Amino acid sequence: MKDPGRKKPFRELDHTADLRVEIIGKDEQDLLANAIESLYVLVGLQGVARQTEDGPLEELEINCRDTEEALVELLGEILYRATVERKRIYLHELSARSGGEDTGRCKVIVRGVWHALTAEEVSGLREIKAVTYHDVQILRTGKGLAARVVMDL
């Protein structure tokens, strides 16, 4: 479960019509895990539970040109499953690899147990229509990485 003393891994930024957030992480894996947690918090769910849960372990694989595209695709998939399928993931493992033989490619694998949202959780969901490619960027900082993402409301 989320550590209650842990600082939230994102902040909302000003945007005229949509939701713009900055997500931080010490490396790509941490950034992507924090992005999933941030999305859940933004739609009105508790952050990502990072503990063992009973149920079948499922794998979600994202293959993209770069980490920015992988971030948008991953968040889009998590948003779809939360708002359409009414499920959330209990994260067991997340791996991210960039470069290598396919220089410039990024592969993200998320393993976890998907659980159905309760009626109470569903009724409290904030509507986020989509995660967009508009102004998406990942920057290196003195403490790791910071990603900026815009979401349609």
Protein backbone atom coordinates (compact mmCIF):
# COMPACT_ATOMS: atom_id res chain seq x y z
CA MET A 1 0.00 0.00 0.00
CA LYS A 2 1.11 3.58 -0.48
CA ASP A 3 3.35 4.96 2.27
CA PRO A 4 1.29 7.74 3.95
CA GLY A 5 4.45 9.74 4.69
CA ARG A 6 5.59 9.70 1.06
CA LYS A 7 5.38 12.92 -0.92
CA LYS A 8 2.99 12.64 -3.87
CA PRO A 9 4.95 12.01 -7.11
CA PHE A 10 3.17 14.66 -9.20
CA ARG A 11 1.81 18.19 -9.20
CA GLU A 12 -0.87 19.86 -11.26
CA LEU A 13 0.31 22.68 -13.53
CA ASP A 14 -1.70 25.56 -14.93
CA HIS A 15 -3.55 24.87 -18.17
CA THR A 16 -6.38 26.85 -19.73
CA ALA A 17 -8.82 24.04 -20.48
CA ASP A 18 -7.32 20.64 -19.71
CA LEU A 19 -5.37 18.97 -16.95
CA ARG A 20 -1.57 19.34 -17.12
CA VAL A 21 0.61 17.46 -14.65
CA GLU A 22 4.28 17.05 -13.89
CA ILE A 23 5.32 13.61 -12.65
CA ILE A 24 8.70 12.89 -11.07
CA GLY A 25 10.81 9.75 -10.71
CA LYS A 26 14.40 8.79 -10.00
CA ASP A 27 14.60 6.74 -13.23
CA GLU A 28 12.32 5.54 -16.07
CA GLN A 29 10.81 2.70 -14.05
CA ASP A 30 10.10 4.92 -11.06
CA LEU A 31 8.69 7.66 -13.32
CA LEU A 32 6.29 5.26 -15.05
CA ALA A 33 5.16 3.66 -11.77
CA ASN A 34 4.60 7.16 -10.36
CA ALA A 35 2.66 8.08 -13.50
CA ILE A 36 0.25 5.19 -12.91
CA GLU A 37 -0.17 6.22 -9.28
CA SER A 38 -0.70 9.86 -10.31
CA LEU A 39 -3.40 8.94 -12.81
CA TYR A 40 -5.28 6.92 -10.19
CA VAL A 41 -5.14 9.82 -7.73
CA LEU A 42 -6.25 12.29 -10.42
CA VAL A 43 -9.33 10.21 -11.32
CA GLY A 44 -10.22 9.92 -7.63
CA LEU A 45 -8.86 6.52 -6.63
CA GLN A 46 -6.27 5.72 -4.01
CA GLY A 47 -2.69 5.54 -5.30
CA VAL A 48 -1.26 2.31 -6.67
CA ALA A 49 -1.09 -0.55 -4.22
CA ARG A 50 2.34 -2.13 -4.53
CA GLN A 51 1.72 -5.30 -2.62
CA THR A 52 0.91 -8.89 -3.34
CA GLU A 53 -2.79 -9.45 -3.97
CA ASP A 54 -4.60 -12.69 -4.64
CA GLY A 55 -5.61 -13.29 -8.22
CA PRO A 56 -4.09 -14.09 -11.58
CA LEU A 57 -0.97 -12.12 -12.44
CA GLU A 58 -1.43 -10.36 -15.80
CA GLU A 59 1.14 -8.68 -18.01
CA LEU A 60 0.68 -5.47 -19.98
CA GLU A 61 3.35 -4.76 -22.60
CA ILE A 62 3.86 -1.40 -24.34
CA ASN A 63 6.31 -1.10 -27.28
CA CYS A 64 6.96 2.42 -28.56
CA ARG A 65 9.43 4.70 -30.32
CA ASP A 66 10.54 6.42 -27.13
CA THR A 67 9.77 6.91 -23.46
CA GLU A 68 7.41 9.85 -24.09
CA GLU A 69 5.23 7.71 -26.36
CA ALA A 70 5.40 4.82 -23.86
CA LEU A 71 4.26 7.16 -21.07
CA VAL A 72 1.21 8.36 -23.02
CA GLU A 73 0.30 4.83 -24.20
CA LEU A 74 0.69 3.36 -20.70
CA LEU A 75 -1.42 6.07 -19.08
CA GLY A 76 -4.01 5.73 -21.85
CA GLU A 77 -4.30 2.00 -21.21
CA ILE A 78 -4.54 2.45 -17.43
CA LEU A 79 -7.19 5.18 -17.92
CA TYR A 80 -9.20 2.93 -20.27
CA ARG A 81 -9.16 0.03 -17.84
CA ALA A 82 -10.19 2.28 -14.93
CA THR A 83 -12.98 4.18 -16.69
CA VAL A 84 -14.33 1.64 -19.19
CA GLU A 85 -13.47 -1.79 -17.77
CA ARG A 86 -13.77 -0.49 -14.18
CA LYS A 87 -10.55 -2.18 -13.05
CA ARG A 88 -7.38 -1.08 -11.30
CA ILE A 89 -4.01 -2.77 -11.03
CA TYR A 90 -2.21 -3.92 -7.93
CA LEU A 91 1.31 -3.47 -9.20
CA HIS A 92 3.79 -6.31 -8.71
CA GLU A 93 6.52 -5.25 -11.14
CA LEU A 94 7.25 -2.64 -13.77
CA SER A 95 10.23 -2.73 -16.11
CA ALA A 96 11.26 -0.20 -18.74
CA ARG A 97 14.02 -0.60 -21.30
CA SER A 98 15.18 1.96 -23.84
CA GLY A 99 17.69 1.67 -26.65
CA GLY A 100 19.69 -1.49 -27.12
CA GLU A 101 19.42 -3.26 -30.46
CA ASP A 102 16.41 -1.17 -31.46
CA THR A 103 18.07 2.15 -30.68
CA GLY A 104 15.46 4.69 -29.77
CA ARG A 105 12.78 2.07 -28.97
CA CYS A 106 11.19 1.70 -25.56
CA LYS A 107 9.56 -1.38 -24.05
CA VAL A 108 7.52 -1.24 -20.85
CA ILE A 109 6.19 -4.32 -19.08
CA VAL A 110 3.74 -4.01 -16.20
CA ARG A 111 2.83 -7.08 -14.14
CA GLY A 112 0.09 -7.08 -11.59
CA VAL A 113 -3.32 -8.24 -10.46
CA TRP A 114 -6.36 -6.40 -11.83
CA HIS A 115 -9.29 -5.94 -9.46
CA ALA A 116 -12.79 -4.65 -10.18
CA LEU A 117 -13.62 -1.23 -8.79
CA THR A 118 -16.36 -1.06 -6.20
CA ALA A 119 -19.62 0.77 -6.96
CA GLU A 120 -18.51 3.51 -4.55
CA GLU A 121 -15.16 3.93 -6.36
CA VAL A 122 -16.90 4.08 -9.76
CA SER A 123 -19.39 6.72 -8.60
CA GLY A 124 -16.57 8.98 -7.44
CA LEU A 125 -14.45 8.88 -10.59
CA ARG A 126 -13.34 12.21 -12.07
CA GLU A 127 -13.84 12.30 -15.82
CA ILE A 128 -10.60 12.34 -17.76
CA LYS A 129 -11.33 11.69 -21.44
CA ALA A 130 -7.83 10.98 -22.73
CA VAL A 131 -4.10 11.28 -22.17
CA THR A 132 -2.68 13.33 -25.05
CA TYR A 133 0.58 13.70 -26.92
CA HIS A 134 0.20 17.49 -26.77
CA ASP A 135 3.36 18.97 -25.17
CA VAL A 136 4.41 15.64 -23.65
CA GLN A 137 8.02 15.77 -22.52
CA ILE A 138 10.42 13.99 -20.21
CA LEU A 139 13.31 16.01 -18.84
CA ARG A 140 16.38 15.07 -16.82
CA THR A 141 16.61 16.91 -13.51
CA GLY A 142 19.16 16.97 -10.71
CA LYS A 143 17.07 14.35 -8.90
CA GLY A 144 16.13 12.09 -11.83
CA LEU A 145 13.35 12.64 -14.36
CA ALA A 146 10.30 14.88 -14.67
CA ALA A 147 7.52 14.26 -17.19
CA ARG A 148 4.85 16.72 -18.29
CA VAL A 149 1.60 15.37 -19.67
CA VAL A 150 -1.70 16.97 -20.74
CA MET A 151 -4.99 15.16 -20.27
CA ASP A 152 -8.34 16.06 -21.88
CA LEU A 153 -11.13 16.73 -19.41
